[in-house]
């Protein structure tokens, strides 16, 4: 790891389990208590993790994926999801 990154980023952002998803997988179950219906949840993720993040969102009954944003190199980098309820879920 580049020293500049290691010194500037929190350890939680850099060491998130074997697949890099530990924090996202921990946050999603807690989010219903923090986000009201219609609110947004945004995740920044690493290279090659778009499918994993999409899977977490798709497997969460109260989240609907709104969009995936790309970085300046056209790499998927941010997922935006909307808080909903089971009866209003849309794929």
PDB file of N, CA and C in Angstrom:
ATOM      1  N   UNK A   1       0.850  -1.176   0.000  1.00  0.00           N
ATOM      2  CA  UNK A   1       0.000   0.000   0.000  1.00  0.00           C
ATOM      3  C   UNK A   1       0.895   1.238   0.000  1.00  0.00           C
ATOM      4  N   UNK A   2       0.489   2.234  -0.755  1.00  0.00           N
ATOM      5  CA  UNK A   2       1.227   3.488  -0.837  1.00  0.00           C
ATOM      6  C   UNK A   2       1.171   4.184   0.524  1.00  0.00           C
ATOM      7  N   UNK A   3       2.304   4.631   1.052  1.00  0.00           N
ATOM      8  CA  UNK A   3       2.313   5.254   2.384  1.00  0.00           C
ATOM      9  C   UNK A   3       1.362   6.442   2.519  1.00  0.00           C
ATOM     10  N   UNK A   4       1.205   7.227   1.465  1.00  0.00           N
ATOM     11  CA  UNK A   4       0.307   8.383   1.530  1.00  0.00           C
ATOM     12  C   UNK A   4      -1.129   7.955   1.826  1.00  0.00           C
ATOM     13  N   UNK A   5      -1.527   6.841   1.253  1.00  0.00           N
ATOM     14  CA  UNK A   5      -2.879   6.329   1.487  1.00  0.00           C
ATOM     15  C   UNK A   5      -2.991   5.793   2.911  1.00  0.00           C
ATOM     16  N   UNK A   6      -2.019   5.017   3.322  1.00  0.00           N
ATOM     17  CA  UNK A   6      -2.052   4.411   4.655  1.00  0.00           C
ATOM     18  C   UNK A   6      -2.096   5.457   5.765  1.00  0.00           C
ATOM     19  N   UNK A   7      -1.460   6.592   5.554  1.00  0.00           N
ATOM     20  CA  UNK A   7      -1.419   7.629   6.587  1.00  0.00           C
ATOM     21  C   UNK A   7      -2.619   8.560   6.567  1.00  0.00           C
ATOM     22  N   UNK A   8      -3.329   8.632   5.460  1.00  0.00           N
ATOM     23  CA  UNK A   8      -4.429   9.595   5.341  1.00  0.00           C
ATOM     24  C   UNK A   8      -5.812   8.982   5.486  1.00  0.00           C
ATOM     25  N   UNK A   9      -5.939   7.715   5.197  1.00  0.00           N
ATOM     26  CA  UNK A   9      -7.247   7.062   5.244  1.00  0.00           C
ATOM     27  C   UNK A   9      -7.410   6.309   6.559  1.00  0.00           C
ATOM     28  N   UNK A  10      -8.630   6.282   7.108  1.00  0.00           N
ATOM     29  CA  UNK A  10      -8.844   5.499   8.331  1.00  0.00           C
ATOM     30  C   UNK A  10      -8.688   4.001   8.049  1.00  0.00           C
ATOM     31  N   UNK A  11      -8.196   3.276   9.030  1.00  0.00           N
ATOM     32  CA  UNK A  11      -7.988   1.835   8.867  1.00  0.00           C
ATOM     33  C   UNK A  11      -9.271   1.136   8.437  1.00  0.00           C
ATOM     34  N   UNK A  12     -10.404   1.581   8.945  1.00  0.00           N
ATOM     35  CA  UNK A  12     -11.692   0.981   8.596  1.00  0.00           C
ATOM     36  C   UNK A  12     -11.963   1.059   7.096  1.00  0.00           C
ATOM     37  N   UNK A  13     -11.488   2.121   6.454  1.00  0.00           N
ATOM     38  CA  UNK A  13     -11.687   2.280   5.014  1.00  0.00           C
ATOM     39  C   UNK A  13     -10.739   1.398   4.215  1.00  0.00           C
ATOM     40  N   UNK A  14      -9.634   1.027   4.794  1.00  0.00           N
ATOM     41  CA  UNK A  14      -8.611   0.280   4.060  1.00  0.00           C
ATOM     42  C   UNK A  14      -8.645  -1.218   4.308  1.00  0.00           C
ATOM     43  N   UNK A  15      -9.111  -1.634   5.462  1.00  0.00           N
ATOM     44  CA  UNK A  15      -9.082  -3.046   5.824  1.00  0.00           C
ATOM     45  C   UNK A  15     -10.497  -3.496   6.159  1.00  0.00           C
ATOM     46  N   UNK A  16     -11.219  -3.908   5.145  1.00  0.00           N
ATOM     47  CA  UNK A  16     -12.640  -4.225   5.303  1.00  0.00           C
ATOM     48  C   UNK A  16     -12.923  -5.691   5.006  1.00  0.00           C
ATOM     49  N   UNK A  17     -12.128  -6.563   5.567  1.00  0.00           N
ATOM     50  CA  UNK A  17     -12.346  -7.985   5.353  1.00  0.00           C
ATOM     51  C   UNK A  17     -11.724  -8.461   4.058  1.00  0.00           C
ATOM     52  N   UNK A  18     -11.838  -9.742   3.824  1.00  0.00           N
ATOM     53  CA  UNK A  18     -11.197 -10.359   2.668  1.00  0.00           C
ATOM     54  C   UNK A  18     -11.712  -9.834   1.333  1.00  0.00           C
ATOM     55  N   UNK A  19     -13.021  -9.582   1.239  1.00  0.00           N
ATOM     56  CA  UNK A  19     -13.584  -9.100  -0.026  1.00  0.00           C
ATOM     57  C   UNK A  19     -13.826  -7.591  -0.028  1.00  0.00           C
ATOM     58  N   UNK A  20     -13.443  -6.907   1.052  1.00  0.00           N
ATOM     59  CA  UNK A  20     -13.607  -5.459   1.117  1.00  0.00           C
ATOM     60  C   UNK A  20     -15.014  -4.996   1.424  1.00  0.00           C
ATOM     61  N   UNK A  21     -15.889  -5.912   1.797  1.00  0.00           N
ATOM     62  CA  UNK A  21     -17.301  -5.587   1.983  1.00  0.00           C
ATOM     63  C   UNK A  21     -17.736  -5.556   3.448  1.00  0.00           C
ATOM     64  N   UNK A  22     -16.832  -5.763   4.376  1.00  0.00           N
ATOM     65  CA  UNK A  22     -17.207  -5.892   5.791  1.00  0.00           C
ATOM     66  C   UNK A  22     -17.993  -4.694   6.304  1.00  0.00           C
ATOM     67  N   UNK A  23     -17.558  -3.499   5.988  1.00  0.00           N
ATOM     68  CA  UNK A  23     -18.247  -2.312   6.505  1.00  0.00           C
ATOM     69  C   UNK A  23     -19.630  -2.153   5.880  1.00  0.00           C
ATOM     70  N   UNK A  24     -19.728  -2.371   4.575  1.00  0.00           N
ATOM     71  CA  UNK A  24     -21.025  -2.259   3.903  1.00  0.00           C
ATOM     72  C   UNK A  24     -21.984  -3.313   4.451  1.00  0.00           C
ATOM     73  N   UNK A  25     -21.505  -4.544   4.606  1.00  0.00           N
ATOM     74  CA  UNK A  25     -22.355  -5.615   5.128  1.00  0.00           C
ATOM     75  C   UNK A  25     -22.760  -5.364   6.582  1.00  0.00           C
ATOM     76  N   UNK A  26     -21.953  -4.638   7.316  1.00  0.00           N
ATOM     77  CA  UNK A  26     -22.281  -4.298   8.704  1.00  0.00           C
ATOM     78  C   UNK A  26     -23.257  -3.122   8.767  1.00  0.00           C
ATOM     79  N   UNK A  27     -23.101  -2.169   7.882  1.00  0.00           N
ATOM     80  CA  UNK A  27     -23.925  -0.961   7.898  1.00  0.00           C
ATOM     81  C   UNK A  27     -25.353  -1.209   7.415  1.00  0.00           C
ATOM     82  N   UNK A  28     -25.526  -1.994   6.373  1.00  0.00           N
ATOM     83  CA  UNK A  28     -26.848  -2.175   5.763  1.00  0.00           C
ATOM     84  C   UNK A  28     -27.910  -2.635   6.766  1.00  0.00           C
ATOM     85  N   UNK A  29     -27.666  -3.640   7.613  1.00  0.00           N
ATOM     86  CA  UNK A  29     -28.708  -4.043   8.562  1.00  0.00           C
ATOM     87  C   UNK A  29     -29.053  -2.972   9.596  1.00  0.00           C
ATOM     88  N   UNK A  30     -28.138  -2.062   9.880  1.00  0.00           N
ATOM     89  CA  UNK A  30     -28.375  -1.007  10.861  1.00  0.00           C
ATOM     90  C   UNK A  30     -29.090   0.204  10.266  1.00  0.00           C
ATOM     91  N   UNK A  31     -29.020   0.356   8.971  1.00  0.00           N
ATOM     92  CA  UNK A  31     -29.498   1.574   8.317  1.00  0.00           C
ATOM     93  C   UNK A  31     -30.997   1.856   8.444  1.00  0.00           C
ATOM     94  N   UNK A  32     -31.902   0.870   8.536  1.00  0.00           N
ATOM     95  CA  UNK A  32     -33.323   1.216   8.642  1.00  0.00           C
ATOM     96  C   UNK A  32     -33.632   2.120   9.835  1.00  0.00           C
ATOM     97  N   UNK A  33     -32.861   1.988  10.891  1.00  0.00           N
ATOM     98  CA  UNK A  33     -33.084   2.830  12.065  1.00  0.00           C
ATOM     99  C   UNK A  33     -32.544   4.241  11.864  1.00  0.00           C
ATOM    100  N   UNK A  34     -31.724   4.428  10.846  1.00  0.00           N
ATOM    101  CA  UNK A  34     -31.062   5.708  10.627  1.00  0.00           C
ATOM    102  C   UNK A  34     -31.580   6.478   9.417  1.00  0.00           C
ATOM    103  N   UNK A  35     -32.226   5.776   8.499  1.00  0.00           N
ATOM    104  CA  UNK A  35     -32.677   6.406   7.251  1.00  0.00           C
ATOM    105  C   UNK A  35     -34.190   6.276   7.151  1.00  0.00           C
ATOM    106  N   UNK A  36     -34.870   7.378   6.988  1.00  0.00           N
ATOM    107  CA  UNK A  36     -36.327   7.315   6.864  1.00  0.00           C
ATOM    108  C   UNK A  36     -36.709   6.884   5.445  1.00  0.00           C
ATOM    109  N   UNK A  37     -37.939   6.444   5.295  1.00  0.00           N
ATOM    110  CA  UNK A  37     -38.435   6.013   3.996  1.00  0.00           C
ATOM    111  C   UNK A  37     -38.243   7.135   2.980  1.00  0.00           C
ATOM    112  N   UNK A  38     -37.704   6.787   1.828  1.00  0.00           N
ATOM    113  CA  UNK A  38     -37.417   7.767   0.787  1.00  0.00           C
ATOM    114  C   UNK A  38     -36.013   8.336   0.867  1.00  0.00           C
ATOM    115  N   UNK A  39     -35.313   8.095   1.996  1.00  0.00           N
ATOM    116  CA  UNK A  39     -33.947   8.587   2.167  1.00  0.00           C
ATOM    117  C   UNK A  39     -32.964   7.800   1.318  1.00  0.00           C
ATOM    118  N   UNK A  40     -31.777   8.344   1.170  1.00  0.00           N
ATOM    119  CA  UNK A  40     -30.762   7.742   0.314  1.00  0.00           C
ATOM    120  C   UNK A  40     -29.622   7.154   1.144  1.00  0.00           C
ATOM    121  N   UNK A  41     -29.054   6.090   0.628  1.00  0.00           N
ATOM    122  CA  UNK A  41     -27.878   5.455   1.199  1.00  0.00           C
ATOM    123  C   UNK A  41     -26.854   5.363   0.078  1.00  0.00           C
ATOM    124  N   UNK A  42     -25.648   5.873   0.310  1.00  0.00           N
ATOM    125  CA  UNK A  42     -24.612   5.884  -0.721  1.00  0.00           C
ATOM    126  C   UNK A  42     -23.389   5.128  -0.223  1.00  0.00           C
ATOM    127  N   UNK A  43     -22.826   4.316  -1.113  1.00  0.00           N
ATOM    128  CA  UNK A  43     -21.623   3.560  -0.801  1.00  0.00           C
ATOM    129  C   UNK A  43     -20.548   3.892  -1.814  1.00  0.00           C
ATOM    130  N   UNK A  44     -19.363   4.219  -1.342  1.00  0.00           N
ATOM    131  CA  UNK A  44     -18.195   4.264  -2.207  1.00  0.00           C
ATOM    132  C   UNK A  44     -17.502   2.920  -2.029  1.00  0.00           C
ATOM    133  N   UNK A  45     -17.071   2.329  -3.120  1.00  0.00           N
ATOM    134  CA  UNK A  45     -16.458   1.014  -3.045  1.00  0.00           C
ATOM    135  C   UNK A  45     -15.257   0.936  -3.972  1.00  0.00           C
ATOM    136  N   UNK A  46     -14.497  -0.125  -3.825  1.00  0.00           N
ATOM    137  CA  UNK A  46     -13.260  -0.300  -4.571  1.00  0.00           C
ATOM    138  C   UNK A  46     -13.456  -0.925  -5.940  1.00  0.00           C
ATOM    139  N   UNK A  47     -12.369  -0.934  -6.687  1.00  0.00           N
ATOM    140  CA  UNK A  47     -12.337  -1.515  -8.025  1.00  0.00           C
ATOM    141  C   UNK A  47     -12.804  -2.964  -7.980  1.00  0.00           C
ATOM    142  N   UNK A  48     -13.718  -3.318  -8.867  1.00  0.00           N
ATOM    143  CA  UNK A  48     -14.189  -4.688  -8.972  1.00  0.00           C
ATOM    144  C   UNK A  48     -15.245  -5.101  -7.956  1.00  0.00           C
ATOM    145  N   UNK A  49     -15.760  -4.166  -7.159  1.00  0.00           N
ATOM    146  CA  UNK A  49     -16.739  -4.517  -6.130  1.00  0.00           C
ATOM    147  C   UNK A  49     -18.177  -4.159  -6.505  1.00  0.00           C
ATOM    148  N   UNK A  50     -18.402  -3.622  -7.680  1.00  0.00           N
ATOM    149  CA  UNK A  50     -19.745  -3.176  -8.069  1.00  0.00           C
ATOM    150  C   UNK A  50     -20.770  -4.302  -7.965  1.00  0.00           C
ATOM    151  N   UNK A  51     -20.423  -5.492  -8.435  1.00  0.00           N
ATOM    152  CA  UNK A  51     -21.375  -6.608  -8.382  1.00  0.00           C
ATOM    153  C   UNK A  51     -21.663  -7.036  -6.947  1.00  0.00           C
ATOM    154  N   UNK A  52     -20.648  -7.000  -6.091  1.00  0.00           N
ATOM    155  CA  UNK A  52     -20.857  -7.355  -4.682  1.00  0.00           C
ATOM    156  C   UNK A  52     -21.795  -6.366  -4.000  1.00  0.00           C
ATOM    157  N   UNK A  53     -21.568  -5.073  -4.244  1.00  0.00           N
ATOM    158  CA  UNK A  53     -22.423  -4.042  -3.644  1.00  0.00           C
ATOM    159  C   UNK A  53     -23.843  -4.163  -4.189  1.00  0.00           C
ATOM    160  N   UNK A  54     -23.976  -4.370  -5.492  1.00  0.00           N
ATOM    161  CA  UNK A  54     -25.303  -4.537  -6.093  1.00  0.00           C
ATOM    162  C   UNK A  54     -26.016  -5.735  -5.481  1.00  0.00           C
ATOM    163  N   UNK A  55     -25.271  -6.797  -5.185  1.00  0.00           N
ATOM    164  CA  UNK A  55     -25.858  -7.977  -4.556  1.00  0.00           C
ATOM    165  C   UNK A  55     -26.368  -7.704  -3.150  1.00  0.00           C
ATOM    166  N   UNK A  56     -25.617  -6.927  -2.385  1.00  0.00           N
ATOM    167  CA  UNK A  56     -26.055  -6.562  -1.032  1.00  0.00           C
ATOM    168  C   UNK A  56     -27.340  -5.745  -1.112  1.00  0.00           C
ATOM    169  N   UNK A  57     -27.374  -4.778  -2.022  1.00  0.00           N
ATOM    170  CA  UNK A  57     -28.572  -3.941  -2.180  1.00  0.00           C
ATOM    171  C   UNK A  57     -29.753  -4.788  -2.641  1.00  0.00           C
ATOM    172  N   UNK A  58     -29.538  -5.636  -3.641  1.00  0.00           N
ATOM    173  CA  UNK A  58     -30.623  -6.475  -4.167  1.00  0.00           C
ATOM    174  C   UNK A  58     -31.159  -7.436  -3.106  1.00  0.00           C
ATOM    175  N   UNK A  59     -30.302  -7.861  -2.186  1.00  0.00           N
ATOM    176  CA  UNK A  59     -30.720  -8.791  -1.143  1.00  0.00           C
ATOM    177  C   UNK A  59     -31.304  -8.128   0.092  1.00  0.00           C
ATOM    178  N   UNK A  60     -31.505  -6.833   0.023  1.00  0.00           N
ATOM    179  CA  UNK A  60     -32.033  -6.079   1.157  1.00  0.00           C
ATOM    180  C   UNK A  60     -33.440  -5.603   0.828  1.00  0.00           C
ATOM    181  N   UNK A  61     -34.469  -6.148   1.489  1.00  0.00           N
ATOM    182  CA  UNK A  61     -35.858  -5.856   1.123  1.00  0.00           C
ATOM    183  C   UNK A  61     -36.243  -4.381   1.170  1.00  0.00           C
ATOM    184  N   UNK A  62     -35.590  -3.591   1.977  1.00  0.00           N
ATOM    185  CA  UNK A  62     -35.992  -2.189   2.129  1.00  0.00           C
ATOM    186  C   UNK A  62     -35.133  -1.222   1.321  1.00  0.00           C
ATOM    187  N   UNK A  63     -34.264  -1.751   0.431  1.00  0.00           N
ATOM    188  CA  UNK A  63     -33.440  -0.897  -0.431  1.00  0.00           C
ATOM    189  C   UNK A  63     -33.751  -1.135  -1.898  1.00  0.00           C
ATOM    190  N   UNK A  64     -33.755  -0.072  -2.667  1.00  0.00           N
ATOM    191  CA  UNK A  64     -33.879  -0.148  -4.115  1.00  0.00           C
ATOM    192  C   UNK A  64     -32.704   0.608  -4.709  1.00  0.00           C
ATOM    193  N   UNK A  65     -31.966  -0.027  -5.605  1.00  0.00           N
ATOM    194  CA  UNK A  65     -30.837   0.665  -6.226  1.00  0.00           C
ATOM    195  C   UNK A  65     -31.346   1.745  -7.157  1.00  0.00           C
ATOM    196  N   UNK A  66     -30.824   2.935  -7.012  1.00  0.00           N
ATOM    197  CA  UNK A  66     -31.214   4.068  -7.836  1.00  0.00           C
ATOM    198  C   UNK A  66     -30.230   4.235  -8.981  1.00  0.00           C
ATOM    199  N   UNK A  67     -28.947   4.246  -8.662  1.00  0.00           N
ATOM    200  CA  UNK A  67     -27.952   4.371  -9.725  1.00  0.00           C
ATOM    201  C   UNK A  67     -26.574   3.962  -9.252  1.00  0.00           C
ATOM    202  N   UNK A  68     -25.717   3.752 -10.228  1.00  0.00           N
ATOM    203  CA  UNK A  68     -24.320   3.442 -10.016  1.00  0.00           C
ATOM    204  C   UNK A  68     -23.533   4.552 -10.697  1.00  0.00           C
ATOM    205  N   UNK A  69     -22.650   5.201  -9.971  1.00  0.00           N
ATOM    206  CA  UNK A  69     -21.863   6.297 -10.556  1.00  0.00           C
ATOM    207  C   UNK A  69     -20.433   5.842 -10.776  1.00  0.00           C
ATOM    208  N   UNK A  70     -19.849   6.368 -11.834  1.00  0.00           N
ATOM    209  CA  UNK A  70     -18.486   6.006 -12.214  1.00  0.00           C
ATOM    210  C   UNK A  70     -17.520   7.126 -11.870  1.00  0.00           C
ATOM    211  N   UNK A  71     -16.260   6.751 -11.677  1.00  0.00           N
ATOM    212  CA  UNK A  71     -15.241   7.755 -11.377  1.00  0.00           C
ATOM    213  C   UNK A  71     -14.694   8.347 -12.677  1.00  0.00           C
ATOM    214  N   UNK A  72     -13.656   9.154 -12.579  1.00  0.00           N
ATOM    215  CA  UNK A  72     -13.095   9.827 -13.750  1.00  0.00           C
ATOM    216  C   UNK A  72     -12.445   8.869 -14.739  1.00  0.00           C
ATOM    217  N   UNK A  73     -12.160   7.650 -14.313  1.00  0.00           N
ATOM    218  CA  UNK A  73     -11.610   6.630 -15.201  1.00  0.00           C
ATOM    219  C   UNK A  73     -12.699   5.692 -15.715  1.00  0.00           C
ATOM    220  N   UNK A  74     -13.954   6.070 -15.510  1.00  0.00           N
ATOM    221  CA  UNK A  74     -15.122   5.311 -15.957  1.00  0.00           C
ATOM    222  C   UNK A  74     -15.259   3.952 -15.256  1.00  0.00           C
ATOM    223  N   UNK A  75     -14.787   3.886 -14.017  1.00  0.00           N
ATOM    224  CA  UNK A  75     -14.891   2.671 -13.207  1.00  0.00           C
ATOM    225  C   UNK A  75     -16.037   2.855 -12.219  1.00  0.00           C
ATOM    226  N   UNK A  76     -16.960   1.883 -12.105  1.00  0.00           N
ATOM    227  CA  UNK A  76     -18.028   2.005 -11.112  1.00  0.00           C
ATOM    228  C   UNK A  76     -17.426   2.234  -9.725  1.00  0.00           C
ATOM    229  N   UNK A  77     -17.901   3.269  -9.028  1.00  0.00           N
ATOM    230  CA  UNK A  77     -17.275   3.651  -7.765  1.00  0.00           C
ATOM    231  C   UNK A  77     -18.270   3.942  -6.639  1.00  0.00           C
ATOM    232  N   UNK A  78     -19.493   4.379  -6.968  1.00  0.00           N
ATOM    233  CA  UNK A  78     -20.471   4.754  -5.947  1.00  0.00           C
ATOM    234  C   UNK A  78     -21.825   4.148  -6.305  1.00  0.00           C
ATOM    235  N   UNK A  79     -22.454   3.505  -5.333  1.00  0.00           N
ATOM    236  CA  UNK A  79     -23.821   3.006  -5.499  1.00  0.00           C
ATOM    237  C   UNK A  79     -24.740   3.882  -4.663  1.00  0.00           C
ATOM    238  N   UNK A  80     -25.868   4.231  -5.248  1.00  0.00           N
ATOM    239  CA  UNK A  80     -26.867   5.033  -4.549  1.00  0.00           C
ATOM    240  C   UNK A  80     -28.143   4.203  -4.475  1.00  0.00           C
ATOM    241  N   UNK A  81     -28.647   4.038  -3.261  1.00  0.00           N
ATOM    242  CA  UNK A  81     -29.867   3.257  -3.048  1.00  0.00           C
ATOM    243  C   UNK A  81     -30.870   4.107  -2.282  1.00  0.00           C
ATOM    244  N   UNK A  82     -32.143   3.787  -2.467  1.00  0.00           N
ATOM    245  CA  UNK A  82     -33.217   4.503  -1.777  1.00  0.00           C
ATOM    246  C   UNK A  82     -33.874   3.575  -0.767  1.00  0.00           C
ATOM    247  N   UNK A  83     -34.161   4.123   0.405  1.00  0.00           N
ATOM    248  CA  UNK A  83     -34.869   3.393   1.462  1.00  0.00           C
ATOM    249  C   UNK A  83     -36.336   3.322   1.096  1.00  0.00           C
ATOM    250  N   UNK A  84     -36.878   2.134   1.149  1.00  0.00           N
ATOM    251  CA  UNK A  84     -38.282   1.921   0.825  1.00  0.00           C
ATOM    252  C   UNK A  84     -38.860   0.951   1.853  1.00  0.00           C
ATOM    253  N   UNK A  85     -40.019   0.419   1.611  1.00  0.00           N
ATOM    254  CA  UNK A  85     -40.591  -0.620   2.461  1.00  0.00           C
ATOM    255  C   UNK A  85     -40.817  -1.844   1.603  1.00  0.00           C
ATOM    256  N   UNK A  86     -41.033  -2.995   2.215  1.00  0.00           N
ATOM    257  CA  UNK A  86     -41.252  -4.227   1.456  1.00  0.00           C
ATOM    258  C   UNK A  86     -42.393  -4.086   0.460  1.00  0.00           C
ATOM    259  N   UNK A  87     -43.460  -3.435   0.854  1.00  0.00           N
ATOM    260  CA  UNK A  87     -44.621  -3.357  -0.041  1.00  0.00           C
ATOM    261  C   UNK A  87     -44.396  -2.410  -1.215  1.00  0.00           C
ATOM    262  N   UNK A  88     -43.383  -1.536  -1.116  1.00  0.00           N
ATOM    263  CA  UNK A  88     -43.102  -0.602  -2.201  1.00  0.00           C
ATOM    264  C   UNK A  88     -41.850  -0.957  -2.991  1.00  0.00           C
ATOM    265  N   UNK A  89     -41.248  -2.082  -2.694  1.00  0.00           N
ATOM    266  CA  UNK A  89     -39.983  -2.442  -3.341  1.00  0.00           C
ATOM    267  C   UNK A  89     -40.147  -2.595  -4.845  1.00  0.00           C
ATOM    268  N   UNK A  90     -39.178  -2.022  -5.538  1.00  0.00           N
ATOM    269  CA  UNK A  90     -39.110  -2.172  -6.996  1.00  0.00           C
ATOM    270  C   UNK A  90     -37.734  -2.692  -7.345  1.00  0.00           C
ATOM    271  N   UNK A  91     -37.638  -3.523  -8.346  1.00  0.00           N
ATOM    272  CA  UNK A  91     -36.340  -4.081  -8.755  1.00  0.00           C
ATOM    273  C   UNK A  91     -35.562  -3.086  -9.579  1.00  0.00           C
TER     274      UNK A  91
END
